[in-house]
């Protein structure tokens, strides 16, 4: 092999190594296995790839038969954002509920149990936790994915989550650096902007990330947000000032830097995924996440070739690409050689998600247990990170506890009269999600309570609205176990 041929081969392998692509189906396609043999080191999994724990374990075994150190990544936050349980809802309540309980030992145990479940299926990199401080109540993409609006609370629970997850042998990927909490735009759709000054950013956004770094997080995910106080021209994912200057040099972080999904419109709609990927690696990112929407071989080849061409043209230093690839391989080796702690035995491990969901409830008002109510879910458009396919709310759980329960889903444009006509004489259980962000929802809710004072209200988002109804239950999340915990209260079967 000539020196030039060897250099090209090395460049190609390094370019493949920094990609974290997705794919379609519940078994690995031939093209993915072929690229793993050529240097691809990581694969991203989504809900479409998972049918059961047994199937997932078989899939990851198939990947490791081709490359034994492959990083198998997943976006499994627990709570609203779940891939393991996308079809039925998560067994864990999510970050806001954990923050509401504010027991770091519980958060650590929840994350460890989640990590053990991932590890048992062969997943070794989790794009979690969200370290964002949800300082803007109107935030359309973070919300219950955050531990809360209090900086110090978010920091201590971020650290606990990282420790618990990694104790189970799964690398944590703390996100979304330098903090996505003070945005009013979803980066899946457009480029958000945070106009906080440097002093505010240092005292608020950066604190949980510093805590995660101190806790040893193996990866950090960048945010597609413009923060003029840090870089007035480029979003964080593409900013040398933010990724190399701030994260590497000022905060002293040495682990893997992963981008958020490059097909998100904040990048794809402004820079394009090829140019964006080159700029991200040049800025200091080590791994390119792509595959949530683009999940085919052509995308992998486009990005590989764009990175190789950028090196050849002098746009991307060869040493920077090599360094990024080396960091990916270092993490892959860490996951292969790690010996996780033993999984706790007994009910605390198996039922810890429901325990946490029960502890997170805030209940006000009083109402006699209802029989066979009508559950009216006022449904907002769910953000892309959560996905529309995952069921939420207490309707199914109430139907199990109270046979004869009926239910209906009501989108924007509905009226209280629609609900009342369907409910008849039944007690109405009105279920809302972030009613403070949806004026139509608040209007319908107020009308329902005015017409039927015995209405039960369940708030499953960020509970900033005033309590309403004869009984008001705030769950701090919309996962399956949050619905179960609320249903137990409504049915008068809340465990003591």
Protein backbone atom coordinates (compact mmCIF):
# COMPACT_ATOMS: atom_id res chain seq x y z
CA UNK A 1 0.00 0.00 0.00
CA UNK A 2 1.38 3.42 -0.93
CA UNK A 3 1.67 6.20 1.63
CA UNK A 4 -1.13 8.09 -0.13
CA UNK A 5 -3.38 5.02 -0.19
CA UNK A 6 -2.72 4.40 3.50
CA UNK A 7 -3.51 8.06 4.30
CA UNK A 8 -6.76 7.87 2.35
CA UNK A 9 -7.71 4.64 4.12
CA UNK A 10 -6.94 6.21 7.49
CA UNK A 11 -8.97 9.30 6.65
CA UNK A 12 -11.91 7.16 5.55
CA UNK A 13 -11.81 5.08 8.72
CA UNK A 14 -11.54 8.18 10.90
CA UNK A 15 -14.40 9.86 9.04
CA UNK A 16 -16.60 6.80 9.61
CA UNK A 17 -15.52 6.55 13.25
CA UNK A 18 -16.92 9.97 14.14
CA UNK A 19 -20.42 9.21 12.81
CA UNK A 20 -23.31 7.95 14.95
CA UNK A 21 -25.91 7.01 12.32
CA UNK A 22 -29.32 5.42 12.60
CA UNK A 23 -31.03 2.87 10.41
CA UNK A 24 -34.45 1.42 9.69
CA UNK A 25 -35.70 -1.91 11.00
CA UNK A 26 -35.25 -4.23 13.96
CA UNK A 27 -32.26 -6.08 12.52
CA UNK A 28 -29.05 -4.55 11.23
CA UNK A 29 -29.06 -4.00 7.47
CA UNK A 30 -26.17 -5.36 5.41
CA UNK A 31 -24.84 -1.90 4.63
CA UNK A 32 -24.50 -1.04 8.31
CA UNK A 33 -22.56 -4.22 9.09
CA UNK A 34 -20.29 -3.53 6.11
CA UNK A 35 -19.55 0.01 7.30
CA UNK A 36 -18.79 -1.29 10.82
CA UNK A 37 -16.11 -3.49 9.28
CA UNK A 38 -14.73 -0.43 7.49
CA UNK A 39 -14.36 1.78 10.55
CA UNK A 40 -17.80 2.89 11.71
CA UNK A 41 -17.63 2.74 15.51
CA UNK A 42 -21.07 3.84 16.72
CA UNK A 43 -24.72 3.26 15.90
CA UNK A 44 -27.76 5.19 17.15
CA UNK A 45 -30.99 3.41 18.03
CA UNK A 46 -34.50 4.86 18.00
CA UNK A 47 -37.98 3.59 18.81
CA UNK A 48 -38.37 2.20 15.30
CA UNK A 49 -35.51 -0.22 15.99
CA UNK A 50 -36.97 -1.73 19.17
CA UNK A 51 -39.78 -4.25 19.53
CA UNK A 52 -38.83 -5.94 22.80
CA UNK A 53 -35.84 -6.34 25.15
CA UNK A 54 -35.12 -9.75 23.65
CA UNK A 55 -35.15 -8.40 20.10
CA UNK A 56 -32.94 -5.47 21.11
CA UNK A 57 -30.42 -7.80 22.74
CA UNK A 58 -30.32 -9.88 19.55
CA UNK A 59 -29.81 -6.72 17.47
CA UNK A 60 -26.90 -5.46 19.57
CA UNK A 61 -25.36 -8.95 19.51
CA UNK A 62 -25.60 -8.84 15.72
CA UNK A 63 -23.72 -5.53 15.71
CA UNK A 64 -21.03 -6.80 18.08
CA UNK A 65 -20.49 -9.90 16.00
CA UNK A 66 -19.19 -7.48 13.37
CA UNK A 67 -17.37 -5.13 15.74
CA UNK A 68 -17.00 -6.05 19.39
CA UNK A 69 -16.28 -2.51 20.60
CA UNK A 70 -19.18 -0.81 18.84
CA UNK A 71 -20.85 2.02 20.72
CA UNK A 72 -24.60 1.39 20.70
CA UNK A 73 -26.27 4.69 21.57
CA UNK A 74 -29.86 5.47 22.46
CA UNK A 75 -31.94 8.47 23.49
CA UNK A 76 -33.42 6.96 26.66
CA UNK A 77 -34.05 9.72 29.18
CA UNK A 78 -36.86 7.88 30.92
CA UNK A 79 -40.12 9.77 31.35
CA UNK A 80 -41.42 11.47 28.23
CA UNK A 81 -38.42 10.58 26.05
CA UNK A 82 -38.22 6.80 25.86
CA UNK A 83 -37.12 4.46 23.11
CA UNK A 84 -37.08 1.24 25.11
CA UNK A 85 -40.76 1.65 25.95
CA UNK A 86 -41.99 3.88 23.15
CA UNK A 87 -45.03 1.68 22.53
CA UNK A 88 -46.31 1.55 26.10
CA UNK A 89 -44.78 4.44 28.01
CA UNK A 90 -41.80 4.58 30.32
CA UNK A 91 -41.39 2.73 33.61
CA UNK A 92 -39.57 5.81 34.92
CA UNK A 93 -41.12 9.21 35.67
CA UNK A 94 -38.49 11.48 34.09
CA UNK A 95 -36.25 14.25 35.32
CA UNK A 96 -38.78 16.83 36.50
CA UNK A 97 -40.41 14.26 38.79
CA UNK A 98 -37.02 13.33 40.22
CA UNK A 99 -36.25 16.99 40.78
CA UNK A 100 -39.62 17.47 42.50
CA UNK A 101 -38.78 14.67 44.95
CA UNK A 102 -35.26 16.10 45.34
CA UNK A 103 -33.65 12.96 46.71
CA UNK A 104 -30.31 12.51 44.94
CA UNK A 105 -30.00 8.93 46.21
CA UNK A 106 -33.31 8.14 44.50
CA UNK A 107 -32.17 9.81 41.27
CA UNK A 108 -28.94 7.82 41.38
CA UNK A 109 -30.85 4.57 41.95
CA UNK A 110 -33.32 5.32 39.15
CA UNK A 111 -30.51 6.05 36.71
CA UNK A 112 -28.65 2.91 37.79
CA UNK A 113 -31.74 0.75 37.24
CA UNK A 114 -32.29 2.35 33.83
CA UNK A 115 -28.63 1.73 33.04
CA UNK A 116 -28.87 -1.93 34.03
CA UNK A 117 -31.86 -2.36 31.71
CA UNK A 118 -29.95 -0.74 28.85
CA UNK A 119 -26.82 -2.78 29.52
CA UNK A 120 -28.82 -6.00 29.61
CA UNK A 121 -29.96 -5.20 26.07
CA UNK A 122 -26.43 -4.40 24.89
CA UNK A 123 -26.74 -0.60 24.87
CA UNK A 124 -23.64 1.16 26.23
CA UNK A 125 -24.10 4.88 25.47
CA UNK A 126 -27.15 6.85 26.55
CA UNK A 127 -27.80 10.35 25.19
CA UNK A 128 -28.91 11.45 28.68
CA UNK A 129 -29.33 13.16 31.09
CA UNK A 130 -30.70 16.57 30.19
CA UNK A 131 -28.78 19.05 32.35
CA UNK A 132 -30.77 22.03 31.06
CA UNK A 133 -32.12 24.44 33.65
CA UNK A 134 -35.74 25.02 32.62
CA UNK A 135 -35.64 28.73 33.40
CA UNK A 136 -38.13 29.64 30.66
CA UNK A 137 -41.60 28.18 31.40
CA UNK A 138 -42.54 28.68 27.74
CA UNK A 139 -39.77 26.34 26.60
CA UNK A 140 -41.38 24.02 23.99
CA UNK A 141 -38.70 21.31 23.88
CA UNK A 142 -37.21 20.88 27.38
CA UNK A 143 -39.94 21.23 30.05
CA UNK A 144 -40.29 18.02 32.06
CA UNK A 145 -37.03 16.73 30.55
CA UNK A 146 -35.24 19.11 32.94
CA UNK A 147 -34.77 18.45 36.64
CA UNK A 148 -36.25 21.92 37.23
CA UNK A 149 -35.77 25.66 37.15
CA UNK A 150 -33.43 25.77 40.15
CA UNK A 151 -29.79 25.70 39.08
CA UNK A 152 -28.33 23.97 42.12
CA UNK A 153 -31.08 21.36 42.14
CA UNK A 154 -30.46 20.62 38.45
CA UNK A 155 -26.73 20.35 39.11
CA UNK A 156 -26.92 17.87 41.98
CA UNK A 157 -29.41 15.64 40.19
CA UNK A 158 -27.46 15.76 36.94
CA UNK A 159 -24.39 14.53 38.81
CA UNK A 160 -26.38 11.81 40.58
CA UNK A 161 -27.88 10.63 37.30
CA UNK A 162 -24.45 10.44 35.64
CA UNK A 163 -23.06 8.46 38.56
CA UNK A 164 -25.96 6.01 38.62
CA UNK A 165 -26.04 5.41 34.88
CA UNK A 166 -22.28 4.87 34.58
CA UNK A 167 -22.20 2.60 37.63
CA UNK A 168 -24.36 0.25 35.56
CA UNK A 169 -21.83 0.24 32.73
CA UNK A 170 -23.54 2.70 30.39
CA UNK A 171 -21.79 5.91 29.37
CA UNK A 172 -23.75 9.07 30.11
CA UNK A 173 -24.03 11.84 27.51
CA UNK A 174 -24.98 15.03 29.37
CA UNK A 175 -26.94 17.47 27.22
CA UNK A 176 -27.59 20.08 25.74
CA UNK A 177 -24.41 22.15 26.18
CA UNK A 178 -24.21 25.03 27.00
CA UNK A 179 -27.87 24.81 28.11
CA UNK A 180 -31.18 24.72 26.23
CA UNK A 181 -33.46 25.75 29.09
CA UNK A 182 -33.95 29.44 28.31
CA UNK A 183 -35.28 28.97 24.78
CA UNK A 184 -38.72 29.55 23.32
CA UNK A 185 -37.99 27.83 19.99
CA UNK A 186 -37.57 24.11 19.33
CA UNK A 187 -34.24 23.48 17.56
CA UNK A 188 -35.89 20.64 15.64
CA UNK A 189 -37.68 23.40 13.71
CA UNK A 190 -35.47 26.51 13.81
CA UNK A 191 -32.37 27.99 15.45
CA UNK A 192 -33.11 29.12 19.02
CA UNK A 193 -31.32 32.10 20.55
CA UNK A 194 -30.44 32.75 24.18
CA UNK A 195 -29.70 36.39 24.96
CA UNK A 196 -28.55 35.93 28.55
CA UNK A 197 -25.35 37.72 29.49
CA UNK A 198 -22.14 35.90 30.36
CA UNK A 199 -22.60 36.32 34.10
CA UNK A 200 -26.07 34.74 33.95
CA UNK A 201 -24.83 31.86 31.81
CA UNK A 202 -21.99 31.12 34.21
CA UNK A 203 -24.28 31.24 37.23
CA UNK A 204 -27.16 29.29 35.67
CA UNK A 205 -26.66 27.28 32.45
CA UNK A 206 -23.10 26.10 33.00
CA UNK A 207 -23.40 24.94 36.62
CA UNK A 208 -25.06 21.55 35.94
CA UNK A 209 -22.52 20.78 33.21
CA UNK A 210 -19.66 21.54 35.57
CA UNK A 211 -21.29 19.14 38.04
CA UNK A 212 -21.60 16.47 35.35
CA UNK A 213 -17.94 16.87 34.41
CA UNK A 214 -16.92 16.54 38.05
CA UNK A 215 -19.08 13.40 38.28
CA UNK A 216 -17.14 11.93 35.35
CA UNK A 217 -19.63 12.08 32.48
CA UNK A 218 -18.13 10.22 29.53
CA UNK A 219 -19.85 12.34 26.90
CA UNK A 220 -21.43 15.77 26.49
CA UNK A 221 -23.93 16.65 23.76
CA UNK A 222 -23.89 20.08 22.17
CA UNK A 223 -26.99 22.20 21.54
CA UNK A 224 -28.02 23.76 18.26
CA UNK A 225 -28.55 27.17 19.87
CA UNK A 226 -27.12 30.62 19.25
CA UNK A 227 -25.70 32.22 22.40
CA UNK A 228 -24.34 35.65 21.40
CA UNK A 229 -22.59 36.19 24.75
CA UNK A 230 -20.42 33.18 23.89
CA UNK A 231 -20.35 33.32 20.08
CA UNK A 232 -22.36 35.94 18.17
CA UNK A 233 -22.25 34.15 14.81
CA UNK A 234 -22.32 30.36 15.16
CA UNK A 235 -24.57 27.99 17.12
CA UNK A 236 -22.89 26.04 19.91
CA UNK A 237 -22.51 22.84 17.87
CA UNK A 238 -20.41 24.70 15.30
CA UNK A 239 -18.59 27.10 17.63
CA UNK A 240 -14.87 26.71 18.46
CA UNK A 241 -15.33 29.32 21.22
CA UNK A 242 -18.01 27.19 22.90
CA UNK A 243 -16.82 23.61 22.30
CA UNK A 244 -13.05 24.08 22.46
CA UNK A 245 -12.66 27.37 24.32
CA UNK A 246 -15.39 26.99 26.94
CA UNK A 247 -16.04 23.26 27.29
CA UNK A 248 -12.52 21.95 26.77
CA UNK A 249 -10.30 24.72 28.10
CA UNK A 250 -12.35 26.61 30.68
CA UNK A 251 -14.36 23.71 32.10
CA UNK A 252 -11.52 21.21 31.60
CA UNK A 253 -13.64 18.54 29.94
CA UNK A 254 -11.65 15.74 28.27
CA UNK A 255 -14.35 13.26 27.24
CA UNK A 256 -16.35 12.78 24.06
CA UNK A 257 -18.29 15.71 22.58
CA UNK A 258 -21.34 14.56 20.59
CA UNK A 259 -23.54 16.79 18.47
CA UNK A 260 -27.29 16.84 18.70
CA UNK A 261 -29.02 15.45 15.61
CA UNK A 262 -27.53 17.17 12.57
CA UNK A 263 -30.71 16.75 10.54
CA UNK A 264 -32.53 19.05 12.95
CA UNK A 265 -33.57 22.19 11.12
CA UNK A 266 -31.45 24.49 13.29
CA UNK A 267 -28.43 23.04 11.44
CA UNK A 268 -29.80 21.35 8.33
CA UNK A 269 -31.89 24.38 7.42
CA UNK A 270 -29.08 26.89 7.87
CA UNK A 271 -25.77 25.15 7.10
CA UNK A 272 -26.77 21.79 5.64
CA UNK A 273 -25.73 18.52 7.26
CA UNK A 274 -22.50 18.06 5.25
CA UNK A 275 -21.09 21.52 5.90
CA UNK A 276 -22.51 21.50 9.41
CA UNK A 277 -20.75 18.21 10.20
CA UNK A 278 -17.41 19.51 8.93
CA UNK A 279 -17.78 22.72 10.94
CA UNK A 280 -18.78 20.76 14.05
CA UNK A 281 -15.69 18.54 13.96
CA UNK A 282 -13.48 21.56 13.24
CA UNK A 283 -15.06 23.38 16.20
CA UNK A 284 -14.20 20.56 18.60
CA UNK A 285 -17.02 18.01 18.36
CA UNK A 286 -15.90 14.38 18.19
CA UNK A 287 -19.04 12.55 17.09
CA UNK A 288 -21.81 13.44 14.67
CA UNK A 289 -25.27 12.28 15.65
CA UNK A 290 -27.47 11.68 12.61
CA UNK A 291 -30.23 9.17 12.08
CA UNK A 292 -33.34 10.36 13.83
CA UNK A 293 -34.76 11.41 10.48
CA UNK A 294 -32.07 10.43 7.98
CA UNK A 295 -31.41 6.74 8.43
CA UNK A 296 -29.84 5.31 5.30
CA UNK A 297 -26.47 4.40 3.84
CA UNK A 298 -26.48 7.36 1.47
CA UNK A 299 -26.43 9.78 4.43
CA UNK A 300 -23.47 7.96 6.00
CA UNK A 301 -21.55 8.09 2.74
CA UNK A 302 -22.37 11.77 2.19
CA UNK A 303 -21.02 12.71 5.60
CA UNK A 304 -17.98 10.43 5.33
CA UNK A 305 -17.06 11.88 1.96
CA UNK A 306 -17.67 15.46 3.14
CA UNK A 307 -15.25 14.99 6.04
CA UNK A 308 -12.58 13.37 3.87
CA UNK A 309 -12.92 16.10 1.23
CA UNK A 310 -12.65 18.80 3.90
CA UNK A 311 -9.33 17.35 5.07
CA UNK A 312 -8.00 17.10 1.54
CA UNK A 313 -9.02 20.69 0.81
CA UNK A 314 -7.44 22.02 3.99
CA UNK A 315 -10.76 23.07 5.50
CA UNK A 316 -10.57 20.53 8.33
CA UNK A 317 -7.18 19.75 9.90
CA UNK A 318 -6.32 16.07 9.58
CA UNK A 319 -5.11 16.04 13.19
CA UNK A 320 -8.50 17.30 14.41
CA UNK A 321 -10.36 14.49 12.63
CA UNK A 322 -7.85 11.95 13.96
CA UNK A 323 -8.24 13.31 17.50
CA UNK A 324 -12.03 13.10 17.27
CA UNK A 325 -11.89 9.52 16.02
CA UNK A 326 -9.44 8.61 18.78
CA UNK A 327 -11.83 9.95 21.43
CA UNK A 328 -14.66 7.84 19.99
CA UNK A 329 -12.47 4.73 20.10
CA UNK A 330 -11.35 5.53 23.64
CA UNK A 331 -14.95 5.60 24.84
CA UNK A 332 -15.68 2.40 22.94
CA UNK A 333 -12.79 0.73 24.73
CA UNK A 334 -14.01 2.04 28.11
CA UNK A 335 -17.43 0.50 27.61
CA UNK A 336 -15.91 -2.81 26.53
CA UNK A 337 -13.55 -3.08 29.50
CA UNK A 338 -15.86 -1.71 32.22
CA UNK A 339 -17.19 -4.02 34.91
CA UNK A 340 -20.49 -2.53 36.13
CA UNK A 341 -21.73 -2.87 39.69
CA UNK A 342 -24.14 -5.62 40.60
CA UNK A 343 -27.81 -4.99 39.97
CA UNK A 344 -29.69 -4.52 43.25
CA UNK A 345 -32.15 -7.23 44.11
CA UNK A 346 -35.68 -6.89 45.35
CA UNK A 347 -38.60 -4.57 44.76
CA UNK A 348 -36.66 -1.30 45.09
CA UNK A 349 -34.95 -1.96 41.78
CA UNK A 350 -37.89 -3.41 39.87
CA UNK A 351 -40.45 -0.89 41.08
CA UNK A 352 -38.29 2.15 41.66
CA UNK A 353 -39.79 4.10 38.77
CA UNK A 354 -43.31 3.85 40.15
CA UNK A 355 -42.04 4.63 43.64
CA UNK A 356 -40.44 7.81 42.33
CA UNK A 357 -43.59 8.77 40.40
CA UNK A 358 -45.70 8.40 43.54
CA UNK A 359 -43.30 10.53 45.57
CA UNK A 360 -43.36 13.26 42.91
CA UNK A 361 -47.13 13.79 43.05
CA UNK A 362 -48.53 17.04 44.36
CA UNK A 363 -52.20 16.68 45.29
CA UNK A 364 -54.55 19.45 46.33
CA UNK A 365 -58.28 19.50 46.99
CA UNK A 366 -60.42 16.60 48.05
CA UNK A 367 -62.84 14.39 46.22
CA UNK A 368 -64.51 11.10 46.92
CA UNK A 369 -63.14 8.21 44.86
CA UNK A 370 -64.93 8.15 41.55
CA UNK A 371 -66.41 5.15 39.75
CA UNK A 372 -66.01 4.70 36.00
CA UNK A 373 -65.13 8.35 35.17
CA UNK A 374 -64.78 9.97 31.77
CA UNK A 375 -61.15 10.83 31.04
CA UNK A 376 -60.81 13.79 28.67
CA UNK A 377 -57.24 14.28 27.48
CA UNK A 378 -56.61 17.79 26.15
CA UNK A 379 -53.76 16.96 23.82
CA UNK A 380 -51.17 19.47 22.61
CA UNK A 381 -48.85 18.82 19.70
CA UNK A 382 -45.96 16.91 21.25
CA UNK A 383 -42.40 17.96 20.45
CA UNK A 384 -40.36 15.76 18.13
CA UNK A 385 -37.95 14.62 20.86
CA UNK A 386 -40.86 13.00 22.69
CA UNK A 387 -42.66 11.64 19.64
CA UNK A 388 -46.35 11.18 18.94
CA UNK A 389 -46.27 7.39 19.14
CA UNK A 390 -45.75 7.09 22.90
CA UNK A 391 -49.03 6.95 24.86
CA UNK A 392 -49.38 9.24 27.85
CA UNK A 393 -51.89 10.08 30.52
CA UNK A 394 -53.79 8.07 33.15
CA UNK A 395 -56.67 6.82 30.97
CA UNK A 396 -55.38 3.27 30.51
CA UNK A 397 -54.35 2.98 34.14
CA UNK A 398 -57.71 4.28 35.36
CA UNK A 399 -59.51 1.80 33.12
CA UNK A 400 -57.56 -0.97 34.81
CA UNK A 401 -58.33 0.29 38.32
CA UNK A 402 -61.91 1.38 37.59
CA UNK A 403 -63.60 -0.93 35.05
CA UNK A 404 -66.04 0.92 32.86
CA UNK A 405 -63.90 4.05 32.58
CA UNK A 406 -64.38 5.80 29.23
CA UNK A 407 -62.06 8.27 27.54
CA UNK A 408 -61.56 10.64 24.65
CA UNK A 409 -58.75 12.77 23.21
CA UNK A 410 -59.41 16.44 22.44
CA UNK A 411 -57.02 18.53 20.30
CA UNK A 412 -56.90 22.29 19.89
CA UNK A 413 -60.24 23.58 18.64
CA UNK A 414 -62.36 21.52 20.98
CA UNK A 415 -64.84 23.05 23.42
CA UNK A 416 -65.88 22.17 26.95
CA UNK A 417 -69.29 21.27 25.58
CA UNK A 418 -67.72 18.50 23.48
CA UNK A 419 -66.28 16.93 26.60
CA UNK A 420 -69.44 17.31 28.64
CA UNK A 421 -71.60 15.81 25.90
CA UNK A 422 -69.36 12.73 25.76
CA UNK A 423 -69.08 12.44 29.55
CA UNK A 424 -72.79 12.52 30.30
CA UNK A 425 -73.28 11.99 34.02
CA UNK A 426 -69.81 10.60 34.61
CA UNK A 427 -67.25 12.47 36.66
CA UNK A 428 -64.86 14.24 34.29
CA UNK A 429 -61.14 13.67 34.70
CA UNK A 430 -59.52 16.42 32.62
CA UNK A 431 -55.92 15.64 31.71
CA UNK A 432 -53.67 18.47 30.53
CA UNK A 433 -50.03 18.88 29.64
CA UNK A 434 -48.33 22.27 30.03
CA UNK A 435 -51.61 24.16 30.14
CA UNK A 436 -49.68 27.38 30.85
CA UNK A 437 -48.23 27.19 27.31
CA UNK A 438 -51.57 26.51 25.60
CA UNK A 439 -54.25 29.19 26.13
CA UNK A 440 -56.90 27.06 24.41
CA UNK A 441 -56.31 24.29 26.91
CA UNK A 442 -56.63 26.61 29.88
CA UNK A 443 -59.88 28.02 28.49
CA UNK A 444 -61.43 24.58 28.05
CA UNK A 445 -60.26 23.56 31.49
CA UNK A 446 -61.75 26.63 33.15
CA UNK A 447 -65.05 26.08 31.37
CA UNK A 448 -65.17 22.45 32.46
CA UNK A 449 -64.52 23.29 36.10
CA UNK A 450 -67.12 26.08 36.01
CA UNK A 451 -69.75 23.75 34.55
CA UNK A 452 -68.82 20.73 36.63
CA UNK A 453 -67.18 21.68 39.96
CA UNK A 454 -66.53 18.01 40.70
CA UNK A 455 -64.08 17.82 37.79
CA UNK A 456 -60.76 16.15 38.58
CA UNK A 457 -57.74 17.82 36.94
CA UNK A 458 -54.48 16.03 36.20
CA UNK A 459 -51.55 18.22 35.11
CA UNK A 460 -48.85 16.09 33.45
CA UNK A 461 -46.47 18.78 32.28
CA UNK A 462 -44.65 21.57 34.09
CA UNK A 463 -47.23 22.49 36.76
CA UNK A 464 -47.19 26.27 36.72
CA UNK A 465 -50.95 26.68 36.41
CA UNK A 466 -53.07 27.36 39.48
CA UNK A 467 -54.71 24.22 40.90
CA UNK A 468 -58.22 23.74 39.54
CA UNK A 469 -61.06 21.34 40.15
CA UNK A 470 -62.33 19.41 43.13
CA UNK A 471 -59.13 17.37 43.02
CA UNK A 472 -55.92 18.53 41.36
CA UNK A 473 -53.01 16.16 40.76
CA UNK A 474 -49.66 17.38 39.41
CA UNK A 475 -47.46 14.51 38.26
CA UNK A 476 -44.37 16.38 36.94
CA UNK A 477 -44.28 14.07 33.93
CA UNK A 478 -46.39 12.17 31.43
CA UNK A 479 -44.85 8.70 31.46
CA UNK A 480 -46.80 5.51 32.11
CA UNK A 481 -45.82 5.39 35.79
CA UNK A 482 -46.83 9.03 36.23
CA UNK A 483 -50.24 8.09 34.86
CA UNK A 484 -50.38 5.12 37.18
CA UNK A 485 -49.55 7.21 40.23
CA UNK A 486 -52.26 9.75 39.34
CA UNK A 487 -54.79 7.00 38.67
CA UNK A 488 -54.20 5.50 42.11
CA UNK A 489 -55.04 8.82 43.75
CA UNK A 490 -58.19 9.31 41.67
CA UNK A 491 -59.34 5.76 42.37
CA UNK A 492 -58.70 6.17 46.09
CA UNK A 493 -56.01 3.52 46.09
CA UNK A 494 -52.93 5.57 46.79
CA UNK A 495 -50.39 3.40 48.64
CA UNK A 496 -49.33 4.59 52.07
